[in-house]
Amino acid sequence: MHEEAKAWRSQLETILSDLQADAQLTKGDLLVIGTSTSEVAGHHIGTASTDDIARTLYDVFASFHEKTGVALAFQCCEHLNRALVIDNETKATLGLDEVNVKPVRKAGGSMAAHAYQQFQHPVVVEHIRADAGVDIGDTLIGMHLKHVAVPVRSSCNSIGSAHVTLARTRPKLIGGARAVYE
């Protein structure tokens, strides 16, 4: 593994560790991931998609899934309306409707295409309500987070040249001044 890939891997491991420390994700939770491999490599989003970066980052996300049991959802690019690659078990558990498309590097993006190839039973869905998210390269994952999203700060705010934003969600606080919250 070349030095850049080692750095990207290390940066993502730190980011996921910081997210986990704040969000305390467990089996049954859903993590949405948006990734511009172009931005990681220092190019404008959507202009230099690369399978090598997708593979490097995917391995870290897969390891995070193995450790935590958290389900992963990989957001496609705007050419597929930011649809999401998930595994069929997650689709069934959440009662989601599948759409008929197979992401590829030029329509879906390298990360979503790679995830589609790696999942044992991949499916694509249009909408989810995730418990937390990782946005690598400003891919706009907010539409796939539950209300209320809470920013999570990491000791590392980039992977390669890509800006990274993290969020977790919390239940809405309702009831006003007399309400009691846990």
C-alpha atoms as a PDB file:
ATOM      1  CA  MET A   1       0.000   0.000   0.000  1.00  0.00           C
ATOM      2  CA  HIS A   2       1.528   3.334  -0.995  1.00  0.00           C
ATOM      3  CA  GLU A   3       1.991   6.154   1.522  1.00  0.00           C
ATOM      4  CA  GLU A   4      -1.053   8.199   0.434  1.00  0.00           C
ATOM      5  CA  ALA A   5      -3.344   5.206   0.840  1.00  0.00           C
ATOM      6  CA  LYS A   6      -1.917   4.524   4.303  1.00  0.00           C
ATOM      7  CA  ALA A   7      -2.591   8.143   5.258  1.00  0.00           C
ATOM      8  CA  TRP A   8      -6.181   8.009   3.932  1.00  0.00           C
ATOM      9  CA  ARG A   9      -6.795   4.790   5.825  1.00  0.00           C
ATOM     10  CA  SER A  10      -5.394   6.251   9.037  1.00  0.00           C
ATOM     11  CA  GLN A  11      -7.416   9.464   8.643  1.00  0.00           C
ATOM     12  CA  LEU A  12     -10.659   7.519   8.139  1.00  0.00           C
ATOM     13  CA  GLU A  13      -9.914   5.253  11.109  1.00  0.00           C
ATOM     14  CA  THR A  14      -9.487   8.340  13.305  1.00  0.00           C
ATOM     15  CA  ILE A  15     -12.681   9.893  11.948  1.00  0.00           C
ATOM     16  CA  LEU A  16     -14.722   6.734  12.563  1.00  0.00           C
ATOM     17  CA  SER A  17     -13.249   6.365  16.043  1.00  0.00           C
ATOM     18  CA  ASP A  18     -14.245   9.953  16.882  1.00  0.00           C
ATOM     19  CA  LEU A  19     -17.724   9.420  15.424  1.00  0.00           C
ATOM     20  CA  GLN A  20     -18.178   6.225  17.411  1.00  0.00           C
ATOM     21  CA  ALA A  21     -17.027   7.873  20.640  1.00  0.00           C
ATOM     22  CA  ASP A  22     -19.727  10.517  20.225  1.00  0.00           C
ATOM     23  CA  ALA A  23     -22.557   8.575  18.552  1.00  0.00           C
ATOM     24  CA  GLN A  24     -22.177   5.184  20.316  1.00  0.00           C
ATOM     25  CA  LEU A  25     -23.534   3.319  17.268  1.00  0.00           C
ATOM     26  CA  THR A  26     -24.571  -0.316  17.723  1.00  0.00           C
ATOM     27  CA  LYS A  27     -25.967  -3.216  15.727  1.00  0.00           C
ATOM     28  CA  GLY A  28     -29.224  -2.114  14.131  1.00  0.00           C
ATOM     29  CA  ASP A  29     -28.042   1.465  13.584  1.00  0.00           C
ATOM     30  CA  LEU A  30     -27.508   2.770  10.060  1.00  0.00           C
ATOM     31  CA  LEU A  31     -24.519   4.826   8.862  1.00  0.00           C
ATOM     32  CA  VAL A  32     -24.822   6.771   5.603  1.00  0.00           C
ATOM     33  CA  ILE A  33     -21.567   7.373   3.730  1.00  0.00           C
ATOM     34  CA  GLY A  34     -21.042   9.865   0.943  1.00  0.00           C
ATOM     35  CA  THR A  35     -17.640   9.866  -0.713  1.00  0.00           C
ATOM     36  CA  SER A  36     -16.033  11.829  -3.510  1.00  0.00           C
ATOM     37  CA  THR A  37     -12.892   9.930  -4.390  1.00  0.00           C
ATOM     38  CA  SER A  38     -12.102  12.833  -6.735  1.00  0.00           C
ATOM     39  CA  GLU A  39     -11.990  15.237  -3.783  1.00  0.00           C
ATOM     40  CA  VAL A  40      -9.799  12.846  -1.767  1.00  0.00           C
ATOM     41  CA  ALA A  41      -7.314  12.908  -4.662  1.00  0.00           C
ATOM     42  CA  GLY A  42      -7.389  16.716  -4.822  1.00  0.00           C
ATOM     43  CA  HIS A  43      -9.727  17.146  -7.799  1.00  0.00           C
ATOM     44  CA  HIS A  44     -13.163  18.724  -8.134  1.00  0.00           C
ATOM     45  CA  ILE A  45     -16.037  16.423  -7.137  1.00  0.00           C
ATOM     46  CA  GLY A  46     -17.095  14.126  -9.975  1.00  0.00           C
ATOM     47  CA  THR A  47     -14.083  14.757 -12.215  1.00  0.00           C
ATOM     48  CA  ALA A  48     -11.492  12.114 -11.321  1.00  0.00           C
ATOM     49  CA  SER A  49     -13.267   9.190  -9.676  1.00  0.00           C
ATOM     50  CA  THR A  50     -10.913   6.354  -8.725  1.00  0.00           C
ATOM     51  CA  ASP A  51     -11.448   2.751  -7.798  1.00  0.00           C
ATOM     52  CA  ASP A  52      -8.204   2.562  -5.771  1.00  0.00           C
ATOM     53  CA  ILE A  53      -9.343   5.214  -3.302  1.00  0.00           C
ATOM     54  CA  ALA A  54     -12.796   3.612  -3.078  1.00  0.00           C
ATOM     55  CA  ARG A  55     -11.220   0.232  -2.311  1.00  0.00           C
ATOM     56  CA  THR A  56      -8.917   1.710   0.356  1.00  0.00           C
ATOM     57  CA  LEU A  57     -11.718   3.559   2.154  1.00  0.00           C
ATOM     58  CA  TYR A  58     -14.254   0.756   1.762  1.00  0.00           C
ATOM     59  CA  ASP A  59     -11.959  -1.632   3.634  1.00  0.00           C
ATOM     60  CA  VAL A  60     -11.961   0.730   6.638  1.00  0.00           C
ATOM     61  CA  PHE A  61     -15.765   1.045   6.546  1.00  0.00           C
ATOM     62  CA  ALA A  62     -16.115  -2.750   6.275  1.00  0.00           C
ATOM     63  CA  SER A  63     -13.875  -3.170   9.320  1.00  0.00           C
ATOM     64  CA  PHE A  64     -15.999  -0.626  11.222  1.00  0.00           C
ATOM     65  CA  HIS A  65     -19.110  -2.635  10.276  1.00  0.00           C
ATOM     66  CA  GLU A  66     -17.492  -5.852  11.519  1.00  0.00           C
ATOM     67  CA  LYS A  67     -16.565  -4.273  14.863  1.00  0.00           C
ATOM     68  CA  THR A  68     -19.853  -2.497  15.537  1.00  0.00           C
ATOM     69  CA  GLY A  69     -22.557  -4.345  13.589  1.00  0.00           C
ATOM     70  CA  VAL A  70     -23.677  -0.991  12.162  1.00  0.00           C
ATOM     71  CA  ALA A  71     -25.332  -1.284   8.745  1.00  0.00           C
ATOM     72  CA  LEU A  72     -23.677   0.715   5.963  1.00  0.00           C
ATOM     73  CA  ALA A  73     -25.393   2.746   3.232  1.00  0.00           C
ATOM     74  CA  PHE A  74     -23.204   4.164   0.462  1.00  0.00           C
ATOM     75  CA  GLN A  75     -24.665   7.205  -1.262  1.00  0.00           C
ATOM     76  CA  CYS A  76     -24.453   7.371  -5.042  1.00  0.00           C
ATOM     77  CA  CYS A  77     -23.611  10.587  -6.856  1.00  0.00           C
ATOM     78  CA  GLU A  78     -26.134  13.070  -8.212  1.00  0.00           C
ATOM     79  CA  HIS A  79     -26.404  11.185 -11.531  1.00  0.00           C
ATOM     80  CA  LEU A  80     -28.345   8.508  -9.633  1.00  0.00           C
ATOM     81  CA  ASN A  81     -30.206  11.117  -7.532  1.00  0.00           C
ATOM     82  CA  ARG A  82     -28.087  10.242  -4.492  1.00  0.00           C
ATOM     83  CA  ALA A  83     -29.697   6.802  -4.209  1.00  0.00           C
ATOM     84  CA  LEU A  84     -28.023   4.401  -1.779  1.00  0.00           C
ATOM     85  CA  VAL A  85     -26.311   1.021  -1.952  1.00  0.00           C
ATOM     86  CA  ILE A  86     -27.222  -1.210   0.993  1.00  0.00           C
ATOM     87  CA  ASP A  87     -27.361  -4.933   1.532  1.00  0.00           C
ATOM     88  CA  ASN A  88     -30.611  -6.790   1.008  1.00  0.00           C
ATOM     89  CA  GLU A  89     -30.854  -7.705   4.702  1.00  0.00           C
ATOM     90  CA  THR A  90     -30.864  -4.013   5.644  1.00  0.00           C
ATOM     91  CA  LYS A  91     -33.517  -3.344   3.004  1.00  0.00           C
ATOM     92  CA  ALA A  92     -35.708  -6.095   4.416  1.00  0.00           C
ATOM     93  CA  THR A  93     -35.175  -5.065   8.039  1.00  0.00           C
ATOM     94  CA  LEU A  94     -36.094  -1.447   7.314  1.00  0.00           C
ATOM     95  CA  GLY A  95     -38.901  -2.270   4.870  1.00  0.00           C
ATOM     96  CA  LEU A  96     -37.386  -0.219   2.048  1.00  0.00           C
ATOM     97  CA  ASP A  97     -38.296  -0.288  -1.635  1.00  0.00           C
ATOM     98  CA  GLU A  98     -35.575  -1.302  -4.078  1.00  0.00           C
ATOM     99  CA  VAL A  99     -34.949   0.596  -7.313  1.00  0.00           C
ATOM    100  CA  ASN A 100     -33.505  -0.921 -10.459  1.00  0.00           C
ATOM    101  CA  VAL A 101     -30.042   0.470 -11.143  1.00  0.00           C
ATOM    102  CA  LYS A 102     -26.470  -0.716 -10.807  1.00  0.00           C
ATOM    103  CA  PRO A 103     -24.022   2.040  -9.866  1.00  0.00           C
ATOM    104  CA  VAL A 104     -20.857   2.349 -11.935  1.00  0.00           C
ATOM    105  CA  ARG A 105     -17.940   4.758 -11.677  1.00  0.00           C
ATOM    106  CA  LYS A 106     -19.432   7.342 -14.092  1.00  0.00           C
ATOM    107  CA  ALA A 107     -23.024   7.033 -12.796  1.00  0.00           C
ATOM    108  CA  GLY A 108     -23.072   6.421  -9.087  1.00  0.00           C
ATOM    109  CA  GLY A 109     -19.436   7.046  -8.275  1.00  0.00           C
ATOM    110  CA  SER A 110     -16.486   4.832  -7.459  1.00  0.00           C
ATOM    111  CA  MET A 111     -17.393   4.286  -3.797  1.00  0.00           C
ATOM    112  CA  ALA A 112     -21.010   3.267  -4.445  1.00  0.00           C
ATOM    113  CA  ALA A 113     -19.936   1.087  -7.383  1.00  0.00           C
ATOM    114  CA  HIS A 114     -17.269  -0.600  -5.255  1.00  0.00           C
ATOM    115  CA  ALA A 115     -19.701  -1.166  -2.371  1.00  0.00           C
ATOM    116  CA  TYR A 116     -22.188  -2.680  -4.820  1.00  0.00           C
ATOM    117  CA  GLN A 117     -19.502  -5.151  -5.917  1.00  0.00           C
ATOM    118  CA  GLN A 118     -18.467  -5.985  -2.343  1.00  0.00           C
ATOM    119  CA  PHE A 119     -21.858  -6.573  -0.717  1.00  0.00           C
ATOM    120  CA  GLN A 120     -22.999 -10.173  -0.905  1.00  0.00           C
ATOM    121  CA  HIS A 121     -26.566  -9.174  -1.835  1.00  0.00           C
ATOM    122  CA  PRO A 122     -26.498  -5.494  -2.854  1.00  0.00           C
ATOM    123  CA  VAL A 123     -29.595  -3.443  -3.578  1.00  0.00           C
ATOM    124  CA  VAL A 124     -30.174   0.223  -4.297  1.00  0.00           C
ATOM    125  CA  VAL A 125     -32.849   2.266  -2.543  1.00  0.00           C
ATOM    126  CA  GLU A 126     -33.858   5.910  -2.922  1.00  0.00           C
ATOM    127  CA  HIS A 127     -34.352   6.963   0.683  1.00  0.00           C
ATOM    128  CA  ILE A 128     -33.167   6.053   4.157  1.00  0.00           C
ATOM    129  CA  ARG A 129     -33.199   7.670   7.599  1.00  0.00           C
ATOM    130  CA  ALA A 130     -29.719   7.044   8.968  1.00  0.00           C
ATOM    131  CA  ASP A 131     -28.585   7.356  12.578  1.00  0.00           C
ATOM    132  CA  ALA A 132     -25.245   8.931  11.624  1.00  0.00           C
ATOM    133  CA  GLY A 133     -23.268   9.960   8.587  1.00  0.00           C
ATOM    134  CA  VAL A 134     -19.829  10.488   7.140  1.00  0.00           C
ATOM    135  CA  ASP A 135     -19.574  12.977   4.268  1.00  0.00           C
ATOM    136  CA  ILE A 136     -16.211  12.874   2.498  1.00  0.00           C
ATOM    137  CA  GLY A 137     -15.832  15.668  -0.031  1.00  0.00           C
ATOM    138  CA  ASP A 138     -19.080  17.577   0.615  1.00  0.00           C
ATOM    139  CA  THR A 139     -21.379  15.084  -1.114  1.00  0.00           C
ATOM    140  CA  LEU A 140     -24.480  16.316   0.764  1.00  0.00           C
ATOM    141  CA  ILE A 141     -25.689  13.345   2.818  1.00  0.00           C
ATOM    142  CA  GLY A 142     -28.060  15.391   4.997  1.00  0.00           C
ATOM    143  CA  MET A 143     -31.162  14.267   3.115  1.00  0.00           C
ATOM    144  CA  HIS A 144     -30.531  10.741   4.393  1.00  0.00           C
ATOM    145  CA  LEU A 145     -30.201  11.527   8.115  1.00  0.00           C
ATOM    146  CA  LYS A 146     -32.949  11.259  10.699  1.00  0.00           C
ATOM    147  CA  HIS A 147     -34.169  14.419  12.396  1.00  0.00           C
ATOM    148  CA  VAL A 148     -32.429  15.871  14.424  1.00  0.00           C
ATOM    149  CA  ALA A 149     -28.872  15.906  13.021  1.00  0.00           C
ATOM    150  CA  VAL A 150     -26.101  16.909  15.420  1.00  0.00           C
ATOM    151  CA  PRO A 151     -22.607  17.808  14.158  1.00  0.00           C
ATOM    152  CA  VAL A 152     -19.774  15.627  15.409  1.00  0.00           C
ATOM    153  CA  ARG A 153     -16.284  17.091  15.601  1.00  0.00           C
ATOM    154  CA  SER A 154     -13.278  14.950  14.822  1.00  0.00           C
ATOM    155  CA  SER A 155      -9.610  15.477  15.513  1.00  0.00           C
ATOM    156  CA  CYS A 156      -9.219  14.883  11.761  1.00  0.00           C
ATOM    157  CA  ASN A 157     -11.392  16.900   9.361  1.00  0.00           C
ATOM    158  CA  SER A 158     -10.102  15.692   6.015  1.00  0.00           C
ATOM    159  CA  ILE A 159      -9.129  12.603   4.088  1.00  0.00           C
ATOM    160  CA  GLY A 160      -6.509  13.484   1.525  1.00  0.00           C
ATOM    161  CA  SER A 161      -7.746  16.772   0.067  1.00  0.00           C
ATOM    162  CA  ALA A 162     -11.415  16.088   0.859  1.00  0.00           C
ATOM    163  CA  HIS A 163     -13.217  17.964   3.625  1.00  0.00           C
ATOM    164  CA  VAL A 164     -15.059  15.600   5.984  1.00  0.00           C
ATOM    165  CA  THR A 165     -18.262  16.346   7.877  1.00  0.00           C
ATOM    166  CA  LEU A 166     -19.711  14.014  10.509  1.00  0.00           C
ATOM    167  CA  ALA A 167     -23.153  13.886  12.068  1.00  0.00           C
ATOM    168  CA  ARG A 168     -25.147  11.783  14.466  1.00  0.00           C
ATOM    169  CA  THR A 169     -28.836  12.084  15.162  1.00  0.00           C
ATOM    170  CA  ARG A 170     -30.911  12.308  18.300  1.00  0.00           C
ATOM    171  CA  PRO A 171     -34.623  12.001  19.025  1.00  0.00           C
ATOM    172  CA  LYS A 172     -36.606  15.217  18.754  1.00  0.00           C
ATOM    173  CA  LEU A 173     -37.146  17.045  22.036  1.00  0.00           C
ATOM    174  CA  ILE A 174     -40.866  17.794  22.277  1.00  0.00           C
ATOM    175  CA  GLY A 175     -43.180  19.094  24.978  1.00  0.00           C
ATOM    176  CA  GLY A 176     -41.785  22.475  25.934  1.00  0.00           C
ATOM    177  CA  ALA A 177     -40.709  23.817  29.333  1.00  0.00           C
ATOM    178  CA  ARG A 178     -42.607  21.256  31.454  1.00  0.00           C
ATOM    179  CA  ALA A 179     -41.330  18.228  29.538  1.00  0.00           C
ATOM    180  CA  VAL A 180     -38.843  15.843  31.129  1.00  0.00           C
ATOM    181  CA  TYR A 181     -36.094  14.323  28.989  1.00  0.00           C
ATOM    182  CA  GLU A 182     -33.838  11.336  29.593  1.00  0.00           C
END
